PDB file of all heavy atoms in Angstrom:
ATOM      1  N   ALA A   1      -1.827 -22.545 -20.800  1.00  0.00           N
ATOM      2  CA  ALA A   1      -1.945 -23.055 -22.175  1.00  0.00           C
ATOM      3  C   ALA A   1      -0.566 -23.263 -22.798  1.00  0.00           C
ATOM      4  O   ALA A   1      -0.346 -22.967 -23.972  1.00  0.00           O
ATOM      5  CB  ALA A   1      -2.776 -22.098 -23.030  1.00  0.00           C
ATOM      6  N   GLY A   2       0.387 -23.755 -21.982  1.00  0.00           N
ATOM      7  CA  GLY A   2       1.712 -24.079 -22.487  1.00  0.00           C
ATOM      8  C   GLY A   2       2.668 -22.909 -22.591  1.00  0.00           C
ATOM      9  O   GLY A   2       3.843 -23.091 -22.922  1.00  0.00           O
ATOM     10  N   LYS A   3       2.198 -21.696 -22.307  1.00  0.00           N
ATOM     11  CA  LYS A   3       3.045 -20.504 -22.373  1.00  0.00           C
ATOM     12  C   LYS A   3       3.232 -19.914 -20.981  1.00  0.00           C
ATOM     13  O   LYS A   3       2.473 -20.200 -20.061  1.00  0.00           O
ATOM     14  CB  LYS A   3       2.415 -19.458 -23.300  1.00  0.00           C
ATOM     15  CG  LYS A   3       2.301 -19.903 -24.754  1.00  0.00           C
ATOM     16  CD  LYS A   3       1.728 -18.780 -25.609  1.00  0.00           C
ATOM     17  CE  LYS A   3       1.637 -19.192 -27.074  1.00  0.00           C
ATOM     18  NZ  LYS A   3       1.090 -18.091 -27.913  1.00  0.00           N
ATOM     19  N   LYS A   4       4.266 -19.082 -20.853  1.00  0.00           N
ATOM     20  CA  LYS A   4       4.494 -18.416 -19.567  1.00  0.00           C
ATOM     21  C   LYS A   4       3.242 -17.649 -19.151  1.00  0.00           C
ATOM     22  O   LYS A   4       2.715 -16.847 -19.922  1.00  0.00           O
ATOM     23  CB  LYS A   4       5.682 -17.454 -19.668  1.00  0.00           C
ATOM     24  CG  LYS A   4       7.022 -18.126 -19.807  1.00  0.00           C
ATOM     25  CD  LYS A   4       8.170 -17.147 -19.688  1.00  0.00           C
ATOM     26  CE  LYS A   4       8.215 -16.145 -20.811  1.00  0.00           C
ATOM     27  NZ  LYS A   4       9.435 -15.296 -20.756  1.00  0.00           N
ATOM     28  N   ALA A   5       2.787 -17.897 -17.928  1.00  0.00           N
ATOM     29  CA  ALA A   5       1.578 -17.221 -17.458  1.00  0.00           C
ATOM     30  C   ALA A   5       1.823 -15.735 -17.234  1.00  0.00           C
ATOM     31  O   ALA A   5       0.917 -14.919 -17.403  1.00  0.00           O
ATOM     32  CB  ALA A   5       1.082 -17.874 -16.174  1.00  0.00           C
ATOM     33  N   HIS A   6       3.036 -15.392 -16.829  1.00  0.00           N
ATOM     34  CA  HIS A   6       3.394 -13.995 -16.560  1.00  0.00           C
ATOM     35  C   HIS A   6       4.800 -13.756 -17.096  1.00  0.00           C
ATOM     36  O   HIS A   6       5.698 -14.563 -16.851  1.00  0.00           O
ATOM     37  CB  HIS A   6       3.333 -13.721 -15.054  1.00  0.00           C
ATOM     38  CG  HIS A   6       3.377 -12.266 -14.693  1.00  0.00           C
ATOM     39  ND1 HIS A   6       4.510 -11.500 -14.844  1.00  0.00           N
ATOM     40  CD2 HIS A   6       2.423 -11.441 -14.184  1.00  0.00           C
ATOM     41  CE1 HIS A   6       4.261 -10.264 -14.443  1.00  0.00           C
ATOM     42  NE2 HIS A   6       2.996 -10.201 -14.046  1.00  0.00           N
ATOM     43  N   PRO A   7       5.025 -12.655 -17.814  1.00  0.00           N
ATOM     44  CA  PRO A   7       6.333 -12.457 -18.447  1.00  0.00           C
ATOM     45  C   PRO A   7       7.470 -12.139 -17.489  1.00  0.00           C
ATOM     46  O   PRO A   7       8.635 -12.310 -17.842  1.00  0.00           O
ATOM     47  CB  PRO A   7       6.087 -11.280 -19.398  1.00  0.00           C
ATOM     48  CG  PRO A   7       4.940 -10.539 -18.790  1.00  0.00           C
ATOM     49  CD  PRO A   7       4.068 -11.588 -18.163  1.00  0.00           C
ATOM     50  N   THR A   8       7.147 -11.673 -16.288  1.00  0.00           N
ATOM     51  CA  THR A   8       8.220 -11.251 -15.375  1.00  0.00           C
ATOM     52  C   THR A   8       8.104 -11.913 -14.005  1.00  0.00           C
ATOM     53  O   THR A   8       8.404 -11.296 -12.980  1.00  0.00           O
ATOM     54  CB  THR A   8       8.236  -9.715 -15.204  1.00  0.00           C
ATOM     55  OG1 THR A   8       7.015  -9.293 -14.572  1.00  0.00           O
ATOM     56  CG2 THR A   8       8.387  -9.015 -16.544  1.00  0.00           C
ATOM     57  N   GLN A   9       7.670 -13.174 -13.960  1.00  0.00           N
ATOM     58  CA  GLN A   9       7.553 -13.884 -12.685  1.00  0.00           C
ATOM     59  C   GLN A   9       8.917 -13.964 -12.006  1.00  0.00           C
ATOM     60  O   GLN A   9       9.899 -14.410 -12.587  1.00  0.00           O
ATOM     61  CB  GLN A   9       7.007 -15.294 -12.905  1.00  0.00           C
ATOM     62  CG  GLN A   9       6.810 -16.082 -11.613  1.00  0.00           C
ATOM     63  CD  GLN A   9       6.312 -17.492 -11.873  1.00  0.00           C
ATOM     64  OE1 GLN A   9       5.721 -17.774 -12.926  1.00  0.00           O
ATOM     65  NE2 GLN A   9       6.539 -18.392 -10.938  1.00  0.00           N
ATOM     66  N   LYS A  10       8.987 -13.537 -10.749  1.00  0.00           N
ATOM     67  CA  LYS A  10      10.238 -13.548 -10.004  1.00  0.00           C
ATOM     68  C   LYS A  10      10.427 -14.883  -9.291  1.00  0.00           C
ATOM     69  O   LYS A  10       9.452 -15.532  -8.891  1.00  0.00           O
ATOM     70  CB  LYS A  10      10.261 -12.400  -8.977  1.00  0.00           C
ATOM     71  CG  LYS A  10      10.225 -11.007  -9.609  1.00  0.00           C
ATOM     72  CD  LYS A  10      11.410 -10.783 -10.530  1.00  0.00           C
ATOM     73  CE  LYS A  10      11.449  -9.384 -11.122  1.00  0.00           C
ATOM     74  NZ  LYS A  10      10.397  -9.155 -12.152  1.00  0.00           N
ATOM     75  N   PRO A  11      11.676 -15.304  -9.103  1.00  0.00           N
ATOM     76  CA  PRO A  11      11.926 -16.582  -8.417  1.00  0.00           C
ATOM     77  C   PRO A  11      11.602 -16.495  -6.933  1.00  0.00           C
ATOM     78  O   PRO A  11      11.817 -15.460  -6.291  1.00  0.00           O
ATOM     79  CB  PRO A  11      13.427 -16.810  -8.643  1.00  0.00           C
ATOM     80  CG  PRO A  11      13.997 -15.442  -8.829  1.00  0.00           C
ATOM     81  CD  PRO A  11      12.924 -14.646  -9.524  1.00  0.00           C
ATOM     82  N   GLU A  12      11.109 -17.584  -6.388  1.00  0.00           N
ATOM     83  CA  GLU A  12      10.782 -17.604  -4.968  1.00  0.00           C
ATOM     84  C   GLU A  12      12.025 -17.418  -4.109  1.00  0.00           C
ATOM     85  O   GLU A  12      11.940 -16.888  -2.997  1.00  0.00           O
ATOM     86  CB  GLU A  12      10.072 -18.915  -4.614  1.00  0.00           C
ATOM     87  CG  GLU A  12       8.679 -19.015  -5.206  1.00  0.00           C
ATOM     88  CD  GLU A  12       7.890 -20.204  -4.676  1.00  0.00           C
ATOM     89  OE1 GLU A  12       8.362 -20.852  -3.708  1.00  0.00           O
ATOM     90  OE2 GLU A  12       6.798 -20.471  -5.210  1.00  0.00           O
ATOM     91  N   SER A  13      13.181 -17.835  -4.602  1.00  0.00           N
ATOM     92  CA  SER A  13      14.415 -17.668  -3.824  1.00  0.00           C
ATOM     93  C   SER A  13      14.714 -16.203  -3.559  1.00  0.00           C
ATOM     94  O   SER A  13      15.228 -15.840  -2.493  1.00  0.00           O
ATOM     95  CB  SER A  13      15.596 -18.318  -4.546  1.00  0.00           C
ATOM     96  OG  SER A  13      15.780 -17.748  -5.837  1.00  0.00           O
ATOM     97  N   LEU A  14      14.403 -15.325  -4.509  1.00  0.00           N
ATOM     98  CA  LEU A  14      14.632 -13.893  -4.327  1.00  0.00           C
ATOM     99  C   LEU A  14      13.712 -13.337  -3.254  1.00  0.00           C
ATOM    100  O   LEU A  14      14.153 -12.608  -2.349  1.00  0.00           O
ATOM    101  CB  LEU A  14      14.406 -13.164  -5.652  1.00  0.00           C
ATOM    102  CG  LEU A  14      14.594 -11.653  -5.632  1.00  0.00           C
ATOM    103  CD1 LEU A  14      16.045 -11.282  -5.364  1.00  0.00           C
ATOM    104  CD2 LEU A  14      14.119 -11.032  -6.948  1.00  0.00           C
ATOM    105  N   LEU A  15      12.434 -13.680  -3.315  1.00  0.00           N
ATOM    106  CA  LEU A  15      11.484 -13.182  -2.310  1.00  0.00           C
ATOM    107  C   LEU A  15      11.764 -13.764  -0.938  1.00  0.00           C
ATOM    108  O   LEU A  15      11.613 -13.087   0.084  1.00  0.00           O
ATOM    109  CB  LEU A  15      10.055 -13.501  -2.736  1.00  0.00           C
ATOM    110  CG  LEU A  15       9.328 -12.442  -3.575  1.00  0.00           C
ATOM    111  CD1 LEU A  15       9.147 -11.155  -2.772  1.00  0.00           C
ATOM    112  CD2 LEU A  15      10.073 -12.131  -4.859  1.00  0.00           C
ATOM    113  N   ALA A  16      12.194 -15.022  -0.898  1.00  0.00           N
ATOM    114  CA  ALA A  16      12.504 -15.630   0.398  1.00  0.00           C
ATOM    115  C   ALA A  16      13.643 -14.883   1.074  1.00  0.00           C
ATOM    116  O   ALA A  16      13.595 -14.621   2.287  1.00  0.00           O
ATOM    117  CB  ALA A  16      12.869 -17.103   0.209  1.00  0.00           C
ATOM    118  N   ARG A  17      14.662 -14.513   0.317  1.00  0.00           N
ATOM    119  CA  ARG A  17      15.781 -13.788   0.914  1.00  0.00           C
ATOM    120  C   ARG A  17      15.336 -12.425   1.424  1.00  0.00           C
ATOM    121  O   ARG A  17      15.741 -11.980   2.509  1.00  0.00           O
ATOM    122  CB  ARG A  17      16.910 -13.645  -0.105  1.00  0.00           C
ATOM    123  CG  ARG A  17      18.178 -13.080   0.506  1.00  0.00           C
ATOM    124  CD  ARG A  17      19.351 -13.118  -0.458  1.00  0.00           C
ATOM    125  NE  ARG A  17      19.758 -14.486  -0.798  1.00  0.00           N
ATOM    126  CZ  ARG A  17      20.889 -14.766  -1.448  1.00  0.00           C
ATOM    127  NH1 ARG A  17      21.707 -13.802  -1.824  1.00  0.00           N
ATOM    128  NH2 ARG A  17      21.194 -16.022  -1.728  1.00  0.00           N
ATOM    129  N   ILE A  18      14.498 -11.752   0.658  1.00  0.00           N
ATOM    130  CA  ILE A  18      14.013 -10.432   1.066  1.00  0.00           C
ATOM    131  C   ILE A  18      13.178 -10.517   2.344  1.00  0.00           C
ATOM    132  O   ILE A  18      13.374  -9.737   3.291  1.00  0.00           O
ATOM    133  CB  ILE A  18      13.200  -9.792  -0.074  1.00  0.00           C
ATOM    134  CG1 ILE A  18      14.139  -9.378  -1.222  1.00  0.00           C
ATOM    135  CG2 ILE A  18      12.395  -8.593   0.422  1.00  0.00           C
ATOM    136  CD1 ILE A  18      13.408  -8.998  -2.483  1.00  0.00           C
ATOM    137  N   LEU A  19      12.253 -11.466   2.386  1.00  0.00           N
ATOM    138  CA  LEU A  19      11.379 -11.578   3.558  1.00  0.00           C
ATOM    139  C   LEU A  19      12.135 -12.073   4.783  1.00  0.00           C
ATOM    140  O   LEU A  19      11.877 -11.616   5.904  1.00  0.00           O
ATOM    141  CB  LEU A  19      10.200 -12.497   3.261  1.00  0.00           C
ATOM    142  CG  LEU A  19       9.251 -12.053   2.148  1.00  0.00           C
ATOM    143  CD1 LEU A  19       7.965 -12.872   2.185  1.00  0.00           C
ATOM    144  CD2 LEU A  19       8.920 -10.575   2.244  1.00  0.00           C
ATOM    145  N   LEU A  20      13.085 -12.987   4.597  1.00  0.00           N
ATOM    146  CA  LEU A  20      13.892 -13.437   5.733  1.00  0.00           C
ATOM    147  C   LEU A  20      14.758 -12.302   6.266  1.00  0.00           C
ATOM    148  O   LEU A  20      14.997 -12.198   7.472  1.00  0.00           O
ATOM    149  CB  LEU A  20      14.772 -14.610   5.321  1.00  0.00           C
ATOM    150  CG  LEU A  20      14.085 -15.964   5.170  1.00  0.00           C
ATOM    151  CD1 LEU A  20      15.051 -16.984   4.579  1.00  0.00           C
ATOM    152  CD2 LEU A  20      13.555 -16.462   6.512  1.00  0.00           C
ATOM    153  N   ALA A  21      15.228 -11.435   5.375  1.00  0.00           N
ATOM    154  CA  ALA A  21      16.111 -10.349   5.789  1.00  0.00           C
ATOM    155  C   ALA A  21      15.381  -9.239   6.521  1.00  0.00           C
ATOM    156  O   ALA A  21      15.912  -8.669   7.479  1.00  0.00           O
ATOM    157  CB  ALA A  21      16.834  -9.774   4.566  1.00  0.00           C
ATOM    158  N   SER A  22      14.156  -8.936   6.115  1.00  0.00           N
ATOM    159  CA  SER A  22      13.552  -7.671   6.559  1.00  0.00           C
ATOM    160  C   SER A  22      12.155  -7.800   7.142  1.00  0.00           C
ATOM    161  O   SER A  22      11.462  -6.786   7.284  1.00  0.00           O
ATOM    162  CB  SER A  22      13.529  -6.679   5.387  1.00  0.00           C
ATOM    163  OG  SER A  22      12.952  -7.257   4.235  1.00  0.00           O
ATOM    164  N   THR A  23      11.721  -9.018   7.479  1.00  0.00           N
ATOM    165  CA  THR A  23      10.443  -9.188   8.172  1.00  0.00           C
ATOM    166  C   THR A  23      10.578 -10.252   9.244  1.00  0.00           C
ATOM    167  O   THR A  23      11.534 -11.028   9.266  1.00  0.00           O
ATOM    168  CB  THR A  23       9.302  -9.601   7.215  1.00  0.00           C
ATOM    169  OG1 THR A  23       9.584 -10.903   6.676  1.00  0.00           O
ATOM    170  CG2 THR A  23       9.137  -8.612   6.090  1.00  0.00           C
ATOM    171  N   ASN A  24       9.578 -10.297  10.110  1.00  0.00           N
ATOM    172  CA  ASN A  24       9.491 -11.332  11.145  1.00  0.00           C
ATOM    173  C   ASN A  24       8.171 -12.080  10.998  1.00  0.00           C
ATOM    174  O   ASN A  24       7.274 -11.658  10.250  1.00  0.00           O
ATOM    175  CB  ASN A  24       9.577 -10.706  12.534  1.00  0.00           C
ATOM    176  CG  ASN A  24      10.909 -10.018  12.763  1.00  0.00           C
ATOM    177  OD1 ASN A  24      11.966 -10.604  12.558  1.00  0.00           O
ATOM    178  ND2 ASN A  24      10.864  -8.753  13.190  1.00  0.00           N
ATOM    179  N   ARG A  25       8.063 -13.176  11.703  1.00  0.00           N
ATOM    180  CA  ARG A  25       6.831 -13.959  11.662  1.00  0.00           C
ATOM    181  C   ARG A  25       5.623 -13.085  11.998  1.00  0.00           C
ATOM    182  O   ARG A  25       5.681 -12.232  12.895  1.00  0.00           O
ATOM    183  CB  ARG A  25       6.936 -15.124  12.657  1.00  0.00           C
ATOM    184  CG  ARG A  25       5.708 -16.019  12.661  1.00  0.00           C
ATOM    185  CD  ARG A  25       5.804 -17.106  13.702  1.00  0.00           C
ATOM    186  NE  ARG A  25       4.597 -17.920  13.701  1.00  0.00           N
ATOM    187  CZ  ARG A  25       4.361 -18.906  14.550  1.00  0.00           C
ATOM    188  NH1 ARG A  25       5.248 -19.210  15.472  1.00  0.00           N
ATOM    189  NH2 ARG A  25       3.234 -19.596  14.478  1.00  0.00           N
ATOM    190  N   ASP A  26       4.541 -13.273  11.258  1.00  0.00           N
ATOM    191  CA  ASP A  26       3.259 -12.578  11.415  1.00  0.00           C
ATOM    192  C   ASP A  26       3.278 -11.138  10.914  1.00  0.00           C
ATOM    193  O   ASP A  26       2.257 -10.445  11.010  1.00  0.00           O
ATOM    194  CB  ASP A  26       2.767 -12.607  12.866  1.00  0.00           C
ATOM    195  CG  ASP A  26       2.469 -14.017  13.349  1.00  0.00           C
ATOM    196  OD1 ASP A  26       2.033 -14.839  12.523  1.00  0.00           O
ATOM    197  OD2 ASP A  26       2.681 -14.299  14.543  1.00  0.00           O
ATOM    198  N   ASP A  27       4.399 -10.652  10.384  1.00  0.00           N
ATOM    199  CA  ASP A  27       4.410  -9.318   9.776  1.00  0.00           C
ATOM    200  C   ASP A  27       3.479  -9.286   8.570  1.00  0.00           C
ATOM    201  O   ASP A  27       3.166 -10.317   7.966  1.00  0.00           O
ATOM    202  CB  ASP A  27       5.825  -8.935   9.336  1.00  0.00           C
ATOM    203  CG  ASP A  27       6.668  -8.388  10.470  1.00  0.00           C
ATOM    204  OD1 ASP A  27       6.146  -8.257  11.594  1.00  0.00           O
ATOM    205  OD2 ASP A  27       7.856  -8.089  10.242  1.00  0.00           O
ATOM    206  N   VAL A  28       3.061  -8.076   8.207  1.00  0.00           N
ATOM    207  CA  VAL A  28       2.174  -7.874   7.058  1.00  0.00           C
ATOM    208  C   VAL A  28       2.995  -7.315   5.901  1.00  0.00           C
ATOM    209  O   VAL A  28       3.612  -6.255   6.018  1.00  0.00           O
ATOM    210  CB  VAL A  28       1.029  -6.908   7.398  1.00  0.00           C
ATOM    211  CG1 VAL A  28       0.148  -6.663   6.171  1.00  0.00           C
ATOM    212  CG2 VAL A  28       0.188  -7.457   8.546  1.00  0.00           C
ATOM    213  N   ILE A  29       2.994  -8.038   4.773  1.00  0.00           N
ATOM    214  CA  ILE A  29       3.729  -7.630   3.584  1.00  0.00           C
ATOM    215  C   ILE A  29       2.735  -7.258   2.502  1.00  0.00           C
ATOM    216  O   ILE A  29       1.841  -8.044   2.167  1.00  0.00           O
ATOM    217  CB  ILE A  29       4.664  -8.749   3.081  1.00  0.00           C
ATOM    218  CG1 ILE A  29       5.735  -9.063   4.127  1.00  0.00           C
ATOM    219  CG2 ILE A  29       5.320  -8.353   1.767  1.00  0.00           C
ATOM    220  CD1 ILE A  29       5.551 -10.361   4.817  1.00  0.00           C
ATOM    221  N   LEU A  30       2.883  -6.070   1.963  1.00  0.00           N
ATOM    222  CA  LEU A  30       2.024  -5.590   0.880  1.00  0.00           C
ATOM    223  C   LEU A  30       2.773  -5.664  -0.445  1.00  0.00           C
ATOM    224  O   LEU A  30       3.906  -5.202  -0.551  1.00  0.00           O
ATOM    225  CB  LEU A  30       1.597  -4.142   1.147  1.00  0.00           C
ATOM    226  CG  LEU A  30       0.984  -3.380  -0.037  1.00  0.00           C
ATOM    227  CD1 LEU A  30      -0.378  -3.959  -0.399  1.00  0.00           C
ATOM    228  CD2 LEU A  30       0.874  -1.893   0.283  1.00  0.00           C
ATOM    229  N   ASP A  31       2.125  -6.262  -1.455  1.00  0.00           N
ATOM    230  CA  ASP A  31       2.660  -6.276  -2.814  1.00  0.00           C
ATOM    231  C   ASP A  31       1.615  -5.645  -3.725  1.00  0.00           C
ATOM    232  O   ASP A  31       0.606  -6.271  -4.048  1.00  0.00           O
ATOM    233  CB  ASP A  31       2.966  -7.706  -3.257  1.00  0.00           C
ATOM    234  CG  ASP A  31       3.653  -7.772  -4.617  1.00  0.00           C
ATOM    235  OD1 ASP A  31       3.519  -6.808  -5.394  1.00  0.00           O
ATOM    236  OD2 ASP A  31       4.311  -8.788  -4.904  1.00  0.00           O
ATOM    237  N   PRO A  32       1.839  -4.391  -4.165  1.00  0.00           N
ATOM    238  CA  PRO A  32       0.824  -3.705  -4.972  1.00  0.00           C
ATOM    239  C   PRO A  32       0.814  -4.121  -6.444  1.00  0.00           C
ATOM    240  O   PRO A  32      -0.047  -3.660  -7.191  1.00  0.00           O
ATOM    241  CB  PRO A  32       1.207  -2.234  -4.812  1.00  0.00           C
ATOM    242  CG  PRO A  32       2.671  -2.243  -4.560  1.00  0.00           C
ATOM    243  CD  PRO A  32       2.952  -3.511  -3.802  1.00  0.00           C
ATOM    244  N   PHE A  33       1.779  -4.951  -6.863  1.00  0.00           N
ATOM    245  CA  PHE A  33       1.831  -5.470  -8.237  1.00  0.00           C
ATOM    246  C   PHE A  33       2.004  -6.989  -8.115  1.00  0.00           C
ATOM    247  O   PHE A  33       3.049  -7.538  -8.422  1.00  0.00           O
ATOM    248  CB  PHE A  33       2.974  -4.831  -9.014  1.00  0.00           C
ATOM    249  CG  PHE A  33       2.948  -3.322  -8.971  1.00  0.00           C
ATOM    250  CD1 PHE A  33       3.728  -2.620  -8.059  1.00  0.00           C
ATOM    251  CD2 PHE A  33       2.134  -2.602  -9.830  1.00  0.00           C
ATOM    252  CE1 PHE A  33       3.707  -1.234  -8.007  1.00  0.00           C
ATOM    253  CE2 PHE A  33       2.098  -1.215  -9.790  1.00  0.00           C
ATOM    254  CZ  PHE A  33       2.878  -0.527  -8.873  1.00  0.00           C
ATOM    255  N   PHE A  34       0.965  -7.647  -7.659  1.00  0.00           N
ATOM    256  CA  PHE A  34       1.043  -9.003  -7.134  1.00  0.00           C
ATOM    257  C   PHE A  34       1.332 -10.055  -8.195  1.00  0.00           C
ATOM    258  O   PHE A  34       1.898 -11.104  -7.894  1.00  0.00           O
ATOM    259  CB  PHE A  34      -0.275  -9.325  -6.423  1.00  0.00           C
ATOM    260  CG  PHE A  34      -0.191 -10.429  -5.413  1.00  0.00           C
ATOM    261  CD1 PHE A  34       0.597 -10.307  -4.281  1.00  0.00           C
ATOM    262  CD2 PHE A  34      -0.938 -11.588  -5.579  1.00  0.00           C
ATOM    263  CE1 PHE A  34       0.655 -11.318  -3.330  1.00  0.00           C
ATOM    264  CE2 PHE A  34      -0.895 -12.600  -4.636  1.00  0.00           C
ATOM    265  CZ  PHE A  34      -0.087 -12.464  -3.517  1.00  0.00           C
ATOM    266  N   GLY A  35       0.914  -9.791  -9.439  1.00  0.00           N
ATOM    267  CA  GLY A  35       1.154 -10.753 -10.502  1.00  0.00           C
ATOM    268  C   GLY A  35       0.553 -12.112 -10.180  1.00  0.00           C
ATOM    269  O   GLY A  35      -0.598 -12.232  -9.776  1.00  0.00           O
ATOM    270  N   THR A  36       1.369 -13.158 -10.336  1.00  0.00           N
ATOM    271  CA  THR A  36       0.892 -14.523 -10.087  1.00  0.00           C
ATOM    272  C   THR A  36       1.221 -15.005  -8.683  1.00  0.00           C
ATOM    273  O   THR A  36       1.192 -16.206  -8.413  1.00  0.00           O
ATOM    274  CB  THR A  36       1.469 -15.485 -11.134  1.00  0.00           C
ATOM    275  OG1 THR A  36       2.890 -15.316 -11.206  1.00  0.00           O
ATOM    276  CG2 THR A  36       0.856 -15.232 -12.505  1.00  0.00           C
ATOM    277  N   GLY A  37       1.572 -14.075  -7.782  1.00  0.00           N
ATOM    278  CA  GLY A  37       1.554 -14.393  -6.358  1.00  0.00           C
ATOM    279  C   GLY A  37       2.813 -14.927  -5.719  1.00  0.00           C
ATOM    280  O   GLY A  37       2.744 -15.588  -4.692  1.00  0.00           O
ATOM    281  N   THR A  38       3.985 -14.622  -6.289  1.00  0.00           N
ATOM    282  CA  THR A  38       5.221 -15.112  -5.670  1.00  0.00           C
ATOM    283  C   THR A  38       5.366 -14.595  -4.243  1.00  0.00           C
ATOM    284  O   THR A  38       5.720 -15.349  -3.326  1.00  0.00           O
ATOM    285  CB  THR A  38       6.449 -14.702  -6.502  1.00  0.00           C
ATOM    286  OG1 THR A  38       6.310 -15.230  -7.824  1.00  0.00           O
ATOM    287  CG2 THR A  38       7.728 -15.237  -5.885  1.00  0.00           C
ATOM    288  N   THR A  39       5.082 -13.313  -4.031  1.00  0.00           N
ATOM    289  CA  THR A  39       5.197 -12.746  -2.683  1.00  0.00           C
ATOM    290  C   THR A  39       4.269 -13.455  -1.704  1.00  0.00           C
ATOM    291  O   THR A  39       4.664 -13.806  -0.591  1.00  0.00           O
ATOM    292  CB  THR A  39       4.876 -11.243  -2.705  1.00  0.00           C
ATOM    293  OG1 THR A  39       5.790 -10.581  -3.587  1.00  0.00           O
ATOM    294  CG2 THR A  39       4.995 -10.635  -1.317  1.00  0.00           C
ATOM    295  N   GLY A  40       3.038 -13.695  -2.112  1.00  0.00           N
ATOM    296  CA  GLY A  40       2.091 -14.366  -1.233  1.00  0.00           C
ATOM    297  C   GLY A  40       2.471 -15.802  -0.934  1.00  0.00           C
ATOM    298  O   GLY A  40       2.323 -16.275   0.197  1.00  0.00           O
TER     299      GLY A  40
END
């Protein structure tokens, strides 16, 4: 409705660096505070 959907949405660039650094293909990543799904 024209406003930020989530107040603390993280940039995809941050999550991409984290996942590239510390996971491999087909690994399982758990996000217990998923918000609007940047991790997914």
